[in-house]
Amino acid sequence: MNNNGVHVLADIYTSAQVSKSDLVELIESALEISGMSILGRLGHDFGVADAFTAMWLLAESHFTIHTYPELNYISIDCYTCGHKAKPAQAVAILLDGLEVTRSSMKIIARGGVVA
C-alpha cells in the first residue's frame, strides 16, 4: 500500500471581497483540472458578507476553505493521497483566478511507502 501524500496550506489576501458563488465555482473547477474527484461538499454560511467555511470530500482526501471577507482573507487546506492529484496546482489555479495582493503557500510531504 502507498500512503504518500501532499498537504498544501495557503493564506490568500485579495484586493476586493470575493463572493461565495464565485469562489465555489473557481474551487470546483480547480479541483477537477488538478485531477481530484469531488465526492461531496459541506459548508456553513456565517450570514455576513459571504463569510463561509466549506469542505470538499475528495476521493483523494479533502479540500477546505475558510473566508474572512471583512479582511479580504481566504484560508485554504488541501490534502491528497497518491500521485495523480495535484493540490499545489489547484491552489495555483485559485491564485490565478483571484485578485491577489499577498499570498503564501506551504507544501508538506506526508506519509511514505509502507512495505
N, C-alpha and C. Protein backbone atom coordinates (compact mmCIF):
# COMPACT_ATOMS: atom_id res chain seq x y z
N MET A 1 0.85 -1.19 0.00
CA MET A 1 0.00 0.00 0.00
C MET A 1 0.88 1.24 0.00
N ASN A 2 0.47 2.26 -0.73
CA ASN A 2 1.19 3.52 -0.82
C ASN A 2 0.42 4.60 -0.06
N ASN A 3 1.08 5.20 0.92
CA ASN A 3 0.41 6.26 1.68
C ASN A 3 1.09 7.62 1.49
N ASN A 4 1.76 7.80 0.35
CA ASN A 4 2.35 9.11 0.04
C ASN A 4 1.24 10.14 -0.10
N GLY A 5 1.52 11.33 0.39
CA GLY A 5 0.53 12.40 0.26
C GLY A 5 1.19 13.75 0.20
N VAL A 6 0.41 14.74 -0.22
CA VAL A 6 0.87 16.12 -0.26
C VAL A 6 -0.19 16.97 0.44
N HIS A 7 0.28 17.82 1.34
CA HIS A 7 -0.61 18.70 2.09
C HIS A 7 -0.22 20.13 1.74
N VAL A 8 -1.16 20.90 1.24
CA VAL A 8 -0.91 22.29 0.86
C VAL A 8 -1.75 23.20 1.74
N LEU A 9 -1.08 24.16 2.35
CA LEU A 9 -1.74 25.18 3.17
C LEU A 9 -1.49 26.53 2.52
N ALA A 10 -2.52 27.34 2.39
CA ALA A 10 -2.35 28.64 1.75
C ALA A 10 -3.11 29.73 2.49
N ASP A 11 -2.49 30.89 2.57
CA ASP A 11 -3.10 32.11 3.07
C ASP A 11 -3.17 33.06 1.89
N ILE A 12 -4.37 33.55 1.60
CA ILE A 12 -4.57 34.40 0.42
C ILE A 12 -5.27 35.69 0.84
N TYR A 13 -4.68 36.82 0.46
CA TYR A 13 -5.30 38.13 0.65
C TYR A 13 -5.63 38.68 -0.73
N THR A 14 -6.85 39.18 -0.88
CA THR A 14 -7.30 39.71 -2.16
C THR A 14 -7.50 41.21 -2.07
N SER A 15 -7.55 41.85 -3.24
CA SER A 15 -7.73 43.30 -3.27
C SER A 15 -9.19 43.70 -3.04
N ALA A 16 -10.09 42.74 -3.21
CA ALA A 16 -11.52 43.01 -3.03
C ALA A 16 -12.19 41.75 -2.49
N GLN A 17 -13.32 41.93 -1.88
CA GLN A 17 -14.10 40.81 -1.38
C GLN A 17 -14.51 39.91 -2.55
N VAL A 18 -14.46 38.62 -2.33
CA VAL A 18 -14.82 37.64 -3.35
C VAL A 18 -16.12 36.97 -2.93
N SER A 19 -17.07 36.85 -3.84
CA SER A 19 -18.36 36.25 -3.50
C SER A 19 -18.22 34.75 -3.30
N LYS A 20 -19.07 34.23 -2.46
CA LYS A 20 -19.07 32.79 -2.20
C LYS A 20 -19.29 32.02 -3.49
N SER A 21 -20.27 32.42 -4.29
CA SER A 21 -20.58 31.67 -5.51
C SER A 21 -19.39 31.65 -6.47
N ASP A 22 -18.68 32.76 -6.59
CA ASP A 22 -17.50 32.80 -7.46
C ASP A 22 -16.40 31.88 -6.92
N LEU A 23 -16.19 31.90 -5.61
CA LEU A 23 -15.17 31.05 -5.00
C LEU A 23 -15.49 29.57 -5.18
N VAL A 24 -16.72 29.19 -4.92
CA VAL A 24 -17.12 27.78 -5.05
C VAL A 24 -16.92 27.31 -6.49
N GLU A 25 -17.34 28.12 -7.44
CA GLU A 25 -17.17 27.76 -8.85
C GLU A 25 -15.69 27.61 -9.21
N LEU A 26 -14.86 28.54 -8.74
CA LEU A 26 -13.43 28.50 -9.01
C LEU A 26 -12.78 27.29 -8.36
N ILE A 27 -13.15 27.00 -7.12
CA ILE A 27 -12.58 25.85 -6.40
C ILE A 27 -12.93 24.55 -7.11
N GLU A 28 -14.19 24.37 -7.45
CA GLU A 28 -14.60 23.11 -8.07
C GLU A 28 -13.94 22.91 -9.43
N SER A 29 -13.74 23.98 -10.16
CA SER A 29 -13.02 23.90 -11.43
C SER A 29 -11.55 23.54 -11.19
N ALA A 30 -10.92 24.21 -10.21
CA ALA A 30 -9.52 23.94 -9.89
C ALA A 30 -9.30 22.50 -9.44
N LEU A 31 -10.21 21.98 -8.63
CA LEU A 31 -10.09 20.59 -8.17
C LEU A 31 -10.16 19.63 -9.34
N GLU A 32 -11.12 19.85 -10.23
CA GLU A 32 -11.29 18.97 -11.37
C GLU A 32 -10.06 19.03 -12.29
N ILE A 33 -9.61 20.22 -12.63
CA ILE A 33 -8.44 20.39 -13.50
C ILE A 33 -7.21 19.73 -12.89
N SER A 34 -7.10 19.75 -11.57
CA SER A 34 -5.93 19.23 -10.86
C SER A 34 -6.02 17.74 -10.55
N GLY A 35 -6.98 17.07 -11.15
CA GLY A 35 -7.05 15.60 -11.04
C GLY A 35 -7.73 15.07 -9.80
N MET A 36 -8.58 15.87 -9.18
CA MET A 36 -9.27 15.42 -7.97
C MET A 36 -10.73 15.11 -8.27
N SER A 37 -11.26 14.13 -7.53
CA SER A 37 -12.64 13.69 -7.71
C SER A 37 -13.47 14.11 -6.51
N ILE A 38 -14.43 15.00 -6.73
CA ILE A 38 -15.28 15.50 -5.65
C ILE A 38 -16.35 14.46 -5.32
N LEU A 39 -16.39 14.05 -4.06
CA LEU A 39 -17.41 13.11 -3.59
C LEU A 39 -18.57 13.83 -2.93
N GLY A 40 -18.31 15.01 -2.36
CA GLY A 40 -19.36 15.78 -1.70
C GLY A 40 -18.81 17.08 -1.15
N ARG A 41 -19.74 17.96 -0.74
CA ARG A 41 -19.34 19.25 -0.17
C ARG A 41 -20.26 19.55 1.01
N LEU A 42 -19.67 20.09 2.06
CA LEU A 42 -20.41 20.51 3.24
C LEU A 42 -19.92 21.91 3.60
N GLY A 43 -20.84 22.79 3.91
CA GLY A 43 -20.42 24.14 4.24
C GLY A 43 -21.36 24.82 5.21
N HIS A 44 -20.91 25.97 5.67
CA HIS A 44 -21.71 26.77 6.58
C HIS A 44 -21.53 28.24 6.22
N ASP A 45 -22.64 28.95 6.05
CA ASP A 45 -22.61 30.40 5.83
C ASP A 45 -22.74 31.09 7.17
N PHE A 46 -21.94 32.13 7.38
CA PHE A 46 -22.00 32.87 8.63
C PHE A 46 -22.96 34.04 8.56
N GLY A 47 -23.61 34.24 7.40
CA GLY A 47 -24.66 35.24 7.28
C GLY A 47 -24.19 36.67 7.16
N VAL A 48 -22.90 36.86 7.04
CA VAL A 48 -22.37 38.22 6.93
C VAL A 48 -21.41 38.29 5.74
N ALA A 49 -21.75 39.10 4.77
CA ALA A 49 -20.84 39.44 3.66
C ALA A 49 -20.16 38.24 3.00
N ASP A 50 -20.91 37.19 2.72
CA ASP A 50 -20.36 36.00 2.06
C ASP A 50 -19.30 35.28 2.88
N ALA A 51 -19.31 35.45 4.19
CA ALA A 51 -18.39 34.69 5.05
C ALA A 51 -18.89 33.25 5.11
N PHE A 52 -17.99 32.30 4.82
CA PHE A 52 -18.38 30.89 4.88
C PHE A 52 -17.16 30.01 5.11
N THR A 53 -17.45 28.80 5.51
CA THR A 53 -16.44 27.76 5.60
C THR A 53 -17.01 26.55 4.86
N ALA A 54 -16.14 25.79 4.22
CA ALA A 54 -16.62 24.64 3.46
C ALA A 54 -15.53 23.58 3.35
N MET A 55 -15.99 22.35 3.15
CA MET A 55 -15.09 21.22 2.99
C MET A 55 -15.58 20.39 1.82
N TRP A 56 -14.68 20.07 0.92
CA TRP A 56 -14.97 19.15 -0.17
C TRP A 56 -14.33 17.82 0.19
N LEU A 57 -15.13 16.78 0.26
CA LEU A 57 -14.63 15.43 0.45
C LEU A 57 -14.20 14.94 -0.92
N LEU A 58 -12.97 14.53 -1.03
CA LEU A 58 -12.40 14.09 -2.30
C LEU A 58 -12.09 12.59 -2.24
N ALA A 59 -12.12 11.92 -3.36
CA ALA A 59 -11.68 10.53 -3.40
C ALA A 59 -10.22 10.47 -2.94
N GLU A 60 -9.49 11.57 -3.15
CA GLU A 60 -8.07 11.63 -2.79
C GLU A 60 -7.83 12.13 -1.37
N SER A 61 -8.78 12.75 -0.72
CA SER A 61 -8.78 13.19 0.68
C SER A 61 -9.70 14.38 0.87
N HIS A 62 -9.16 15.63 1.02
CA HIS A 62 -10.05 16.76 1.30
C HIS A 62 -9.49 18.11 0.84
N PHE A 63 -10.40 19.08 0.73
CA PHE A 63 -10.07 20.48 0.46
C PHE A 63 -10.95 21.31 1.37
N THR A 64 -10.37 22.25 2.11
CA THR A 64 -11.18 23.11 2.97
C THR A 64 -10.85 24.58 2.72
N ILE A 65 -11.86 25.43 3.00
CA ILE A 65 -11.70 26.87 2.87
C ILE A 65 -12.41 27.54 4.03
N HIS A 66 -11.84 28.65 4.49
CA HIS A 66 -12.50 29.50 5.47
C HIS A 66 -12.26 30.93 5.02
N THR A 67 -13.33 31.70 4.91
CA THR A 67 -13.19 33.07 4.40
C THR A 67 -13.43 34.10 5.49
N TYR A 68 -12.74 35.20 5.36
CA TYR A 68 -12.88 36.37 6.22
C TYR A 68 -13.07 37.58 5.29
N PRO A 69 -14.26 37.76 4.75
CA PRO A 69 -14.47 38.82 3.77
C PRO A 69 -14.12 40.22 4.28
N GLU A 70 -14.33 40.45 5.55
CA GLU A 70 -14.04 41.78 6.10
C GLU A 70 -12.55 42.10 6.05
N LEU A 71 -11.71 41.04 5.92
CA LEU A 71 -10.26 41.22 5.82
C LEU A 71 -9.73 40.89 4.43
N ASN A 72 -10.64 40.52 3.52
CA ASN A 72 -10.24 40.05 2.18
C ASN A 72 -9.23 38.90 2.29
N TYR A 73 -9.50 38.00 3.23
CA TYR A 73 -8.58 36.90 3.54
C TYR A 73 -9.27 35.55 3.32
N ILE A 74 -8.54 34.60 2.75
CA ILE A 74 -9.03 33.25 2.50
C ILE A 74 -7.97 32.26 2.99
N SER A 75 -8.40 31.29 3.78
CA SER A 75 -7.53 30.24 4.30
C SER A 75 -7.87 28.93 3.60
N ILE A 76 -6.85 28.25 3.07
CA ILE A 76 -7.04 27.02 2.30
C ILE A 76 -6.22 25.89 2.91
N ASP A 77 -6.78 24.68 2.88
CA ASP A 77 -6.09 23.46 3.31
C ASP A 77 -6.48 22.38 2.31
N CYS A 78 -5.50 21.81 1.62
CA CYS A 78 -5.79 20.75 0.65
C CYS A 78 -4.82 19.60 0.86
N TYR A 79 -5.36 18.43 1.13
CA TYR A 79 -4.53 17.24 1.35
C TYR A 79 -4.97 16.17 0.36
N THR A 80 -3.99 15.56 -0.29
CA THR A 80 -4.31 14.46 -1.21
C THR A 80 -3.34 13.31 -1.00
N CYS A 81 -3.83 12.11 -1.26
CA CYS A 81 -3.02 10.89 -1.20
C CYS A 81 -2.71 10.45 -2.62
N GLY A 82 -1.61 9.74 -2.77
CA GLY A 82 -1.26 9.19 -4.07
C GLY A 82 -0.51 10.19 -4.92
N HIS A 83 -0.41 9.87 -6.22
CA HIS A 83 0.41 10.68 -7.11
C HIS A 83 -0.37 11.35 -8.23
N LYS A 84 -1.66 11.04 -8.39
CA LYS A 84 -2.42 11.58 -9.51
C LYS A 84 -2.89 13.02 -9.27
N ALA A 85 -3.40 13.29 -8.10
CA ALA A 85 -3.93 14.62 -7.78
C ALA A 85 -2.79 15.60 -7.56
N LYS A 86 -3.04 16.85 -7.91
CA LYS A 86 -2.02 17.89 -7.79
C LYS A 86 -2.57 19.06 -6.97
N PRO A 87 -2.49 18.97 -5.63
CA PRO A 87 -3.06 20.03 -4.79
C PRO A 87 -2.40 21.39 -4.96
N ALA A 88 -1.09 21.43 -5.19
CA ALA A 88 -0.42 22.72 -5.39
C ALA A 88 -0.93 23.39 -6.68
N GLN A 89 -1.20 22.58 -7.69
CA GLN A 89 -1.76 23.13 -8.92
C GLN A 89 -3.14 23.71 -8.67
N ALA A 90 -3.96 23.03 -7.87
CA ALA A 90 -5.30 23.54 -7.55
C ALA A 90 -5.21 24.90 -6.88
N VAL A 91 -4.29 25.06 -5.92
CA VAL A 91 -4.14 26.34 -5.24
C VAL A 91 -3.61 27.40 -6.21
N ALA A 92 -2.69 27.02 -7.09
CA ALA A 92 -2.17 27.97 -8.08
C ALA A 92 -3.28 28.46 -9.01
N ILE A 93 -4.20 27.57 -9.38
CA ILE A 93 -5.35 27.96 -10.21
C ILE A 93 -6.22 28.97 -9.46
N LEU A 94 -6.43 28.73 -8.16
CA LEU A 94 -7.19 29.68 -7.35
C LEU A 94 -6.50 31.05 -7.34
N LEU A 95 -5.20 31.05 -7.12
CA LEU A 95 -4.45 32.31 -7.09
C LEU A 95 -4.58 33.06 -8.42
N ASP A 96 -4.51 32.32 -9.52
CA ASP A 96 -4.65 32.94 -10.85
C ASP A 96 -6.04 33.52 -11.08
N GLY A 97 -7.06 32.92 -10.43
CA GLY A 97 -8.43 33.35 -10.63
C GLY A 97 -8.89 34.46 -9.70
N LEU A 98 -8.03 34.87 -8.79
CA LEU A 98 -8.38 35.90 -7.81
C LEU A 98 -7.48 37.12 -7.99
N GLU A 99 -7.92 38.25 -7.49
CA GLU A 99 -7.09 39.46 -7.49
C GLU A 99 -6.28 39.45 -6.18
N VAL A 100 -5.17 38.75 -6.22
CA VAL A 100 -4.35 38.52 -5.02
C VAL A 100 -3.40 39.68 -4.79
N THR A 101 -3.37 40.15 -3.54
CA THR A 101 -2.40 41.18 -3.16
C THR A 101 -1.22 40.58 -2.41
N ARG A 102 -1.48 39.44 -1.74
CA ARG A 102 -0.43 38.78 -0.97
C ARG A 102 -0.87 37.35 -0.74
N SER A 103 0.08 36.43 -0.79
CA SER A 103 -0.26 35.03 -0.51
C SER A 103 0.98 34.28 -0.03
N SER A 104 0.73 33.19 0.64
CA SER A 104 1.81 32.26 0.99
C SER A 104 1.25 30.85 0.87
N MET A 105 2.12 29.94 0.47
CA MET A 105 1.71 28.55 0.31
C MET A 105 2.81 27.67 0.90
N LYS A 106 2.40 26.71 1.70
CA LYS A 106 3.32 25.72 2.26
C LYS A 106 2.94 24.36 1.70
N ILE A 107 3.92 23.63 1.21
CA ILE A 107 3.70 22.30 0.66
C ILE A 107 4.45 21.31 1.55
N ILE A 108 3.70 20.36 2.10
CA ILE A 108 4.26 19.41 3.06
C ILE A 108 4.10 17.99 2.51
N ALA A 109 5.21 17.26 2.42
CA ALA A 109 5.14 15.85 2.04
C ALA A 109 4.64 15.06 3.24
N ARG A 110 3.72 14.14 3.01
CA ARG A 110 3.13 13.34 4.09
C ARG A 110 3.34 11.86 3.79
N GLY A 111 3.41 11.08 4.84
CA GLY A 111 3.45 9.62 4.71
C GLY A 111 4.73 9.11 4.07
N GLY A 112 4.59 8.00 3.42
CA GLY A 112 5.69 7.30 2.76
C GLY A 112 5.20 5.91 2.40
N VAL A 113 5.99 5.20 1.70
CA VAL A 113 5.59 3.85 1.27
C VAL A 113 5.70 2.89 2.45
N VAL A 114 4.64 2.14 2.67
CA VAL A 114 4.64 1.12 3.71
C VAL A 114 4.96 -0.21 3.05
N ALA A 115 5.95 -0.89 3.58
CA ALA A 115 6.35 -2.19 2.99
C ALA A 115 5.42 -3.30 3.38
